[in-house]
Amino acid sequence: MGVFDTGDPVVLTVLGAASTAAAVARAWIRHRTAIRLEQERTRRVLGALAGTTRQGRAEVVRACAELEEKAAGAGNSRSPGGR
């Protein structure tokens, strides 16, 4: 008979708490990763926009979006689609 078969309330409580803590930690890491990726995208777009004319900004933003899309399609592990 294993430890998990005992039905001991203390063991079950500890296992439940550990499982919950692990789930919260995974969710927090996913959340912080998504925020960081968005910050990096914003920084890249702002860098690309530096020195552009008002008329050229839409084209620069569109080009940045196309590059992001191509990178995601190539299986880039840093893109949301590549996870």
N, C-alpha and C. Protein backbone atom coordinates (compact mmCIF):
# COMPACT_ATOMS: atom_id res chain seq x y z
N MET A 1 0.85 -1.17 0.00
CA MET A 1 0.00 0.00 0.00
C MET A 1 0.90 1.24 0.00
N GLY A 2 0.67 2.18 -0.92
CA GLY A 2 1.49 3.37 -1.04
C GLY A 2 1.01 4.50 -0.16
N VAL A 3 1.80 5.54 -0.10
CA VAL A 3 1.47 6.71 0.71
C VAL A 3 0.19 7.37 0.22
N PHE A 4 -0.05 7.33 -1.08
CA PHE A 4 -1.21 8.01 -1.64
C PHE A 4 -2.50 7.22 -1.44
N ASP A 5 -2.38 5.98 -1.05
CA ASP A 5 -3.54 5.14 -0.85
C ASP A 5 -4.08 5.19 0.59
N THR A 6 -3.36 5.86 1.48
CA THR A 6 -3.73 5.84 2.90
C THR A 6 -4.99 6.62 3.19
N GLY A 7 -5.24 7.66 2.44
CA GLY A 7 -6.39 8.49 2.72
C GLY A 7 -6.17 9.37 3.93
N ASP A 8 -4.93 9.49 4.36
CA ASP A 8 -4.59 10.33 5.51
C ASP A 8 -4.94 11.78 5.17
N PRO A 9 -5.78 12.45 5.96
CA PRO A 9 -6.20 13.81 5.65
C PRO A 9 -5.03 14.80 5.57
N VAL A 10 -4.02 14.59 6.39
CA VAL A 10 -2.87 15.51 6.37
C VAL A 10 -2.13 15.38 5.05
N VAL A 11 -1.89 14.15 4.62
CA VAL A 11 -1.20 13.90 3.36
C VAL A 11 -2.01 14.47 2.19
N LEU A 12 -3.30 14.21 2.21
CA LEU A 12 -4.16 14.70 1.14
C LEU A 12 -4.20 16.23 1.12
N THR A 13 -4.22 16.85 2.28
CA THR A 13 -4.23 18.30 2.36
C THR A 13 -2.93 18.89 1.82
N VAL A 14 -1.81 18.29 2.20
CA VAL A 14 -0.51 18.77 1.71
C VAL A 14 -0.42 18.60 0.20
N LEU A 15 -0.84 17.46 -0.29
CA LEU A 15 -0.81 17.24 -1.74
C LEU A 15 -1.72 18.21 -2.48
N GLY A 16 -2.89 18.47 -1.92
CA GLY A 16 -3.81 19.43 -2.54
C GLY A 16 -3.24 20.83 -2.55
N ALA A 17 -2.61 21.22 -1.45
CA ALA A 17 -2.01 22.56 -1.38
C ALA A 17 -0.85 22.68 -2.35
N ALA A 18 -0.03 21.64 -2.45
CA ALA A 18 1.10 21.66 -3.38
C ALA A 18 0.62 21.75 -4.83
N SER A 19 -0.42 21.02 -5.14
CA SER A 19 -0.98 21.03 -6.49
C SER A 19 -1.54 22.42 -6.82
N THR A 20 -2.25 23.00 -5.88
CA THR A 20 -2.79 24.34 -6.08
C THR A 20 -1.69 25.38 -6.24
N ALA A 21 -0.66 25.28 -5.41
CA ALA A 21 0.46 26.22 -5.50
C ALA A 21 1.17 26.09 -6.86
N ALA A 22 1.32 24.87 -7.35
CA ALA A 22 1.96 24.67 -8.65
C ALA A 22 1.11 25.25 -9.77
N ALA A 23 -0.19 25.09 -9.70
CA ALA A 23 -1.08 25.64 -10.72
C ALA A 23 -1.04 27.17 -10.71
N VAL A 24 -1.03 27.76 -9.54
CA VAL A 24 -0.94 29.22 -9.43
C VAL A 24 0.39 29.71 -9.99
N ALA A 25 1.47 29.01 -9.66
CA ALA A 25 2.79 29.41 -10.16
C ALA A 25 2.84 29.33 -11.68
N ARG A 26 2.29 28.26 -12.27
CA ARG A 26 2.27 28.14 -13.74
C ARG A 26 1.47 29.26 -14.37
N ALA A 27 0.32 29.57 -13.79
CA ALA A 27 -0.52 30.66 -14.34
C ALA A 27 0.21 31.99 -14.24
N TRP A 28 0.88 32.25 -13.14
CA TRP A 28 1.62 33.50 -12.96
C TRP A 28 2.75 33.61 -13.98
N ILE A 29 3.47 32.53 -14.19
CA ILE A 29 4.57 32.54 -15.16
C ILE A 29 4.03 32.79 -16.57
N ARG A 30 2.92 32.14 -16.94
CA ARG A 30 2.31 32.39 -18.26
C ARG A 30 1.91 33.85 -18.40
N HIS A 31 1.31 34.39 -17.35
CA HIS A 31 0.87 35.79 -17.36
C HIS A 31 2.05 36.74 -17.53
N ARG A 32 3.10 36.54 -16.74
CA ARG A 32 4.27 37.42 -16.82
C ARG A 32 4.99 37.27 -18.17
N THR A 33 5.00 36.06 -18.72
CA THR A 33 5.61 35.84 -20.03
C THR A 33 4.85 36.60 -21.11
N ALA A 34 3.52 36.55 -21.06
CA ALA A 34 2.71 37.26 -22.03
C ALA A 34 2.94 38.76 -21.93
N ILE A 35 3.03 39.28 -20.72
CA ILE A 35 3.28 40.71 -20.54
C ILE A 35 4.64 41.08 -21.11
N ARG A 36 5.66 40.29 -20.81
CA ARG A 36 7.01 40.58 -21.29
C ARG A 36 7.09 40.53 -22.81
N LEU A 37 6.43 39.55 -23.43
CA LEU A 37 6.42 39.47 -24.89
C LEU A 37 5.76 40.70 -25.50
N GLU A 38 4.68 41.15 -24.90
CA GLU A 38 4.00 42.35 -25.41
C GLU A 38 4.86 43.59 -25.24
N GLN A 39 5.58 43.68 -24.12
CA GLN A 39 6.49 44.81 -23.93
C GLN A 39 7.60 44.81 -24.97
N GLU A 40 8.13 43.64 -25.28
CA GLU A 40 9.17 43.54 -26.31
C GLU A 40 8.64 43.94 -27.67
N ARG A 41 7.44 43.49 -28.02
CA ARG A 41 6.84 43.87 -29.31
C ARG A 41 6.65 45.38 -29.38
N THR A 42 6.14 45.96 -28.31
CA THR A 42 5.93 47.40 -28.28
C THR A 42 7.24 48.16 -28.44
N ARG A 43 8.29 47.69 -27.75
CA ARG A 43 9.60 48.33 -27.86
C ARG A 43 10.12 48.24 -29.29
N ARG A 44 9.95 47.09 -29.94
CA ARG A 44 10.42 46.95 -31.32
C ARG A 44 9.67 47.87 -32.27
N VAL A 45 8.36 47.96 -32.10
CA VAL A 45 7.56 48.83 -32.98
C VAL A 45 7.93 50.29 -32.75
N LEU A 46 8.07 50.69 -31.49
CA LEU A 46 8.45 52.08 -31.21
C LEU A 46 9.83 52.39 -31.78
N GLY A 47 10.75 51.44 -31.70
CA GLY A 47 12.07 51.63 -32.29
C GLY A 47 11.99 51.77 -33.80
N ALA A 48 11.14 50.98 -34.42
CA ALA A 48 10.98 51.05 -35.87
C ALA A 48 10.32 52.36 -36.28
N LEU A 49 9.46 52.89 -35.42
CA LEU A 49 8.75 54.14 -35.75
C LEU A 49 9.62 55.38 -35.55
N ALA A 50 10.70 55.25 -34.80
CA ALA A 50 11.55 56.41 -34.54
C ALA A 50 12.09 56.96 -35.85
N GLY A 51 11.88 58.21 -36.06
CA GLY A 51 12.39 58.88 -37.25
C GLY A 51 11.52 58.73 -38.49
N THR A 52 10.37 58.08 -38.38
CA THR A 52 9.50 57.95 -39.55
C THR A 52 8.60 59.18 -39.66
N THR A 53 8.11 59.39 -40.85
CA THR A 53 7.15 60.48 -41.05
C THR A 53 5.77 60.00 -40.63
N ARG A 54 4.90 60.93 -40.43
CA ARG A 54 3.54 60.58 -40.02
C ARG A 54 2.87 59.70 -41.07
N GLN A 55 3.13 59.97 -42.33
CA GLN A 55 2.51 59.19 -43.40
C GLN A 55 3.05 57.76 -43.48
N GLY A 56 4.29 57.54 -43.06
CA GLY A 56 4.89 56.22 -43.16
C GLY A 56 4.65 55.31 -41.97
N ARG A 57 4.06 55.84 -40.92
CA ARG A 57 3.89 55.05 -39.69
C ARG A 57 3.01 53.82 -39.88
N ALA A 58 1.93 53.96 -40.62
CA ALA A 58 1.02 52.83 -40.83
C ALA A 58 1.75 51.69 -41.55
N GLU A 59 2.57 52.04 -42.53
CA GLU A 59 3.32 51.01 -43.26
C GLU A 59 4.32 50.31 -42.35
N VAL A 60 4.98 51.08 -41.48
CA VAL A 60 5.96 50.48 -40.56
C VAL A 60 5.27 49.53 -39.60
N VAL A 61 4.14 49.93 -39.05
CA VAL A 61 3.40 49.07 -38.12
C VAL A 61 2.93 47.81 -38.84
N ARG A 62 2.44 47.96 -40.06
CA ARG A 62 2.00 46.81 -40.84
C ARG A 62 3.16 45.85 -41.12
N ALA A 63 4.32 46.41 -41.46
CA ALA A 63 5.50 45.58 -41.72
C ALA A 63 5.94 44.83 -40.46
N CYS A 64 5.89 45.50 -39.32
CA CYS A 64 6.23 44.84 -38.06
C CYS A 64 5.27 43.69 -37.77
N ALA A 65 3.99 43.90 -38.03
CA ALA A 65 2.99 42.85 -37.80
C ALA A 65 3.24 41.67 -38.72
N GLU A 66 3.61 41.94 -39.97
CA GLU A 66 3.91 40.86 -40.91
C GLU A 66 5.12 40.06 -40.45
N LEU A 67 6.13 40.74 -39.96
CA LEU A 67 7.32 40.04 -39.47
C LEU A 67 6.98 39.16 -38.26
N GLU A 68 6.16 39.67 -37.36
CA GLU A 68 5.73 38.89 -36.20
C GLU A 68 4.97 37.65 -36.66
N GLU A 69 4.11 37.83 -37.64
CA GLU A 69 3.31 36.72 -38.15
C GLU A 69 4.20 35.66 -38.80
N LYS A 70 5.19 36.09 -39.58
CA LYS A 70 6.11 35.14 -40.21
C LYS A 70 6.94 34.42 -39.16
N ALA A 71 7.38 35.12 -38.14
CA ALA A 71 8.16 34.49 -37.07
C ALA A 71 7.33 33.45 -36.33
N ALA A 72 6.05 33.75 -36.10
CA ALA A 72 5.17 32.80 -35.42
C ALA A 72 4.94 31.58 -36.30
N GLY A 73 4.85 31.78 -37.59
CA GLY A 73 4.63 30.68 -38.51
C GLY A 73 5.86 29.79 -38.65
N ALA A 74 7.03 30.33 -38.36
CA ALA A 74 8.27 29.57 -38.49
C ALA A 74 8.54 28.72 -37.24
N GLY A 75 7.62 28.73 -36.27
CA GLY A 75 7.80 27.93 -35.06
C GLY A 75 8.71 28.60 -34.06
N ASN A 76 8.78 29.91 -34.08
CA ASN A 76 9.60 30.65 -33.14
C ASN A 76 9.05 30.40 -31.74
N SER A 77 9.89 29.90 -30.83
CA SER A 77 9.44 29.55 -29.48
C SER A 77 9.06 30.77 -28.65
N ARG A 78 9.44 31.97 -29.06
CA ARG A 78 9.13 33.16 -28.28
C ARG A 78 7.78 33.73 -28.65
N SER A 79 7.17 33.21 -29.70
CA SER A 79 5.87 33.73 -30.10
C SER A 79 4.77 32.93 -29.40
N PRO A 80 3.59 33.54 -29.20
CA PRO A 80 2.50 32.83 -28.53
C PRO A 80 2.10 31.56 -29.25
N GLY A 81 2.19 31.53 -30.56
CA GLY A 81 1.80 30.34 -31.32
C GLY A 81 2.83 29.24 -31.25
N GLY A 82 4.06 29.54 -30.81
CA GLY A 82 5.12 28.56 -30.80
C GLY A 82 5.29 27.82 -29.50
N ARG A 83 4.40 28.01 -28.56
CA ARG A 83 4.53 27.35 -27.26
C ARG A 83 4.17 25.91 -27.33
